[in-house]
C-alpha atoms as a PDB file:
ATOM      1  CA  MET A   1     167.312   0.511 293.190  1.00  0.00           C
ATOM      2  CA  ASN A   2     164.502   2.313 291.440  1.00  0.00           C
ATOM      3  CA  LEU A   3     165.163   2.926 287.734  1.00  0.00           C
ATOM      4  CA  LEU A   4     164.166   6.606 287.854  1.00  0.00           C
ATOM      5  CA  SER A   5     166.396   7.329 290.837  1.00  0.00           C
ATOM      6  CA  GLU A   6     169.306   5.577 289.104  1.00  0.00           C
ATOM      7  CA  ILE A   7     168.819   7.689 285.967  1.00  0.00           C
ATOM      8  CA  LYS A   8     168.652  10.842 288.095  1.00  0.00           C
ATOM      9  CA  GLU A   9     171.843   9.820 289.902  1.00  0.00           C
ATOM     10  CA  ARG A  10     173.667   9.213 286.616  1.00  0.00           C
ATOM     11  CA  ALA A  11     172.491  12.539 285.187  1.00  0.00           C
ATOM     12  CA  MET A  12     173.845  14.387 288.236  1.00  0.00           C
ATOM     13  CA  ALA A  13     177.194  12.527 288.230  1.00  0.00           C
ATOM     14  CA  PRO A  14     180.316  14.039 286.607  1.00  0.00           C
ATOM     15  CA  THR A  15     180.708  13.500 282.848  1.00  0.00           C
ATOM     16  CA  PRO A  16     184.075  12.569 281.248  1.00  0.00           C
ATOM     17  CA  PRO A  17     185.711  15.373 279.194  1.00  0.00           C
ATOM     18  CA  PHE A  18     185.318  13.542 275.857  1.00  0.00           C
ATOM     19  CA  PHE A  19     181.589  13.164 276.403  1.00  0.00           C
ATOM     20  CA  GLN A  20     181.331  16.819 277.435  1.00  0.00           C
ATOM     21  CA  LEU A  21     182.741  17.689 274.007  1.00  0.00           C
ATOM     22  CA  LEU A  22     180.338  15.301 272.282  1.00  0.00           C
ATOM     23  CA  ARG A  23     177.448  16.819 274.253  1.00  0.00           C
ATOM     24  CA  ARG A  24     178.352  20.274 272.913  1.00  0.00           C
ATOM     25  CA  VAL A  25     178.508  18.879 269.364  1.00  0.00           C
ATOM     26  CA  GLY A  26     175.070  17.304 269.845  1.00  0.00           C
ATOM     27  CA  LEU A  27     173.675  20.618 271.066  1.00  0.00           C
ATOM     28  CA  GLY A  28     175.114  22.311 267.986  1.00  0.00           C
ATOM     29  CA  ILE A  29     173.594  19.745 265.635  1.00  0.00           C
ATOM     30  CA  ALA A  30     170.192  20.096 267.286  1.00  0.00           C
ATOM     31  CA  ALA A  31     170.454  23.905 267.208  1.00  0.00           C
ATOM     32  CA  VAL A  32     171.220  23.947 263.479  1.00  0.00           C
ATOM     33  CA  GLY A  33     168.271  21.661 262.796  1.00  0.00           C
ATOM     34  CA  LEU A  34     165.979  23.830 264.887  1.00  0.00           C
ATOM     35  CA  ALA A  35     167.225  26.999 263.175  1.00  0.00           C
ATOM     36  CA  ILE A  36     166.465  25.504 259.770  1.00  0.00           C
ATOM     37  CA  LEU A  37     162.965  24.413 260.790  1.00  0.00           C
ATOM     38  CA  THR A  38     162.080  27.786 262.295  1.00  0.00           C
ATOM     39  CA  ALA A  39     163.614  29.905 259.537  1.00  0.00           C
ATOM     40  CA  PRO A  40     161.169  32.285 257.893  1.00  0.00           C
ATOM     41  CA  GLY A  41     160.302  31.775 254.264  1.00  0.00           C
ATOM     42  CA  THR A  42     159.982  28.718 252.095  1.00  0.00           C
ATOM     43  CA  ILE A  43     162.379  25.889 252.804  1.00  0.00           C
ATOM     44  CA  PRO A  44     162.655  22.830 250.542  1.00  0.00           C
ATOM     45  CA  GLU A  45     160.912  19.762 251.908  1.00  0.00           C
ATOM     46  CA  LEU A  46     164.102  17.662 251.789  1.00  0.00           C
ATOM     47  CA  LEU A  47     165.960  20.218 253.892  1.00  0.00           C
ATOM     48  CA  GLN A  48     163.123  20.240 256.428  1.00  0.00           C
ATOM     49  CA  GLU A  49     163.300  16.454 256.634  1.00  0.00           C
ATOM     50  CA  TYR A  50     167.054  16.505 257.246  1.00  0.00           C
ATOM     51  CA  ALA A  51     166.621  19.235 259.859  1.00  0.00           C
ATOM     52  CA  GLY A  52     164.196  16.985 261.738  1.00  0.00           C
ATOM     53  CA  TYR A  53     166.739  14.169 261.612  1.00  0.00           C
ATOM     54  CA  ALA A  54     169.427  16.536 262.897  1.00  0.00           C
ATOM     55  CA  ILE A  55     167.282  17.544 265.864  1.00  0.00           C
ATOM     56  CA  THR A  56     166.606  13.897 266.686  1.00  0.00           C
ATOM     57  CA  ALA A  57     170.253  12.859 266.345  1.00  0.00           C
ATOM     58  CA  GLY A  58     171.495  15.818 268.389  1.00  0.00           C
ATOM     59  CA  THR A  59     168.984  15.170 271.153  1.00  0.00           C
ATOM     60  CA  ILE A  60     169.901  11.486 271.376  1.00  0.00           C
ATOM     61  CA  LEU A  61     173.622  12.333 271.425  1.00  0.00           C
ATOM     62  CA  VAL A  62     173.136  14.846 274.241  1.00  0.00           C
ATOM     63  CA  SER A  63     171.064  12.359 276.255  1.00  0.00           C
ATOM     64  CA  ILE A  64     173.605   9.564 275.957  1.00  0.00           C
ATOM     65  CA  CYS A  65     176.511  11.849 276.803  1.00  0.00           C
ATOM     66  CA  GLN A  66     174.724  13.273 279.846  1.00  0.00           C
ATOM     67  CA  LEU A  67     174.169   9.800 281.284  1.00  0.00           C
ATOM     68  CA  THR A  68     177.816   8.746 280.840  1.00  0.00           C
ATOM     69  CA  VAL A  69     179.578   8.777 284.217  1.00  0.00           C
ATOM     70  CA  ASP A  70     183.225   9.462 285.054  1.00  0.00           C
ATOM     71  CA  GLU A  71     183.630   6.734 287.676  1.00  0.00           C
ATOM     72  CA  GLN A  72     186.952   8.061 289.024  1.00  0.00           C
ATOM     73  CA  LYS A  73     185.583  11.552 289.731  1.00  0.00           C
ATOM     74  CA  LEU A  74     182.427  10.039 291.190  1.00  0.00           C
ATOM     75  CA  GLU A  75     184.456   7.899 293.612  1.00  0.00           C
ATOM     76  CA  GLU A  76     186.554  10.926 294.606  1.00  0.00           C
ATOM     77  CA  ARG A  77     183.390  12.923 295.250  1.00  0.00           C
ATOM     78  CA  LEU A  78     181.937  10.115 297.380  1.00  0.00           C
ATOM     79  CA  LEU A  79     185.153   9.810 299.407  1.00  0.00           C
ATOM     80  CA  GLN A  80     185.189  13.563 300.059  1.00  0.00           C
ATOM     81  CA  SER A  81     181.581  13.523 301.195  1.00  0.00           C
ATOM     82  CA  MET A  82     182.295  10.649 303.620  1.00  0.00           C
ATOM     83  CA  GLN A  83     185.113  12.543 305.329  1.00  0.00           C
END
């Protein structure tokens, strides 16, 4: 199977509830980092550096959680589509 089609399939598959929660946390972390970087005024350089790390960490967390598949729900969905 083609790698890109497999990634697309995994991204469209159902995500387990725990990873849905982690995905929301990752979005929050990335949003806080982005808010700090785009805030008006002078921001200390160290805080800007940590905000960049937060955006990176949040984005990676969201990506990993989105590609995690709930196999049981996926099998149920496949069985329903076959009927």
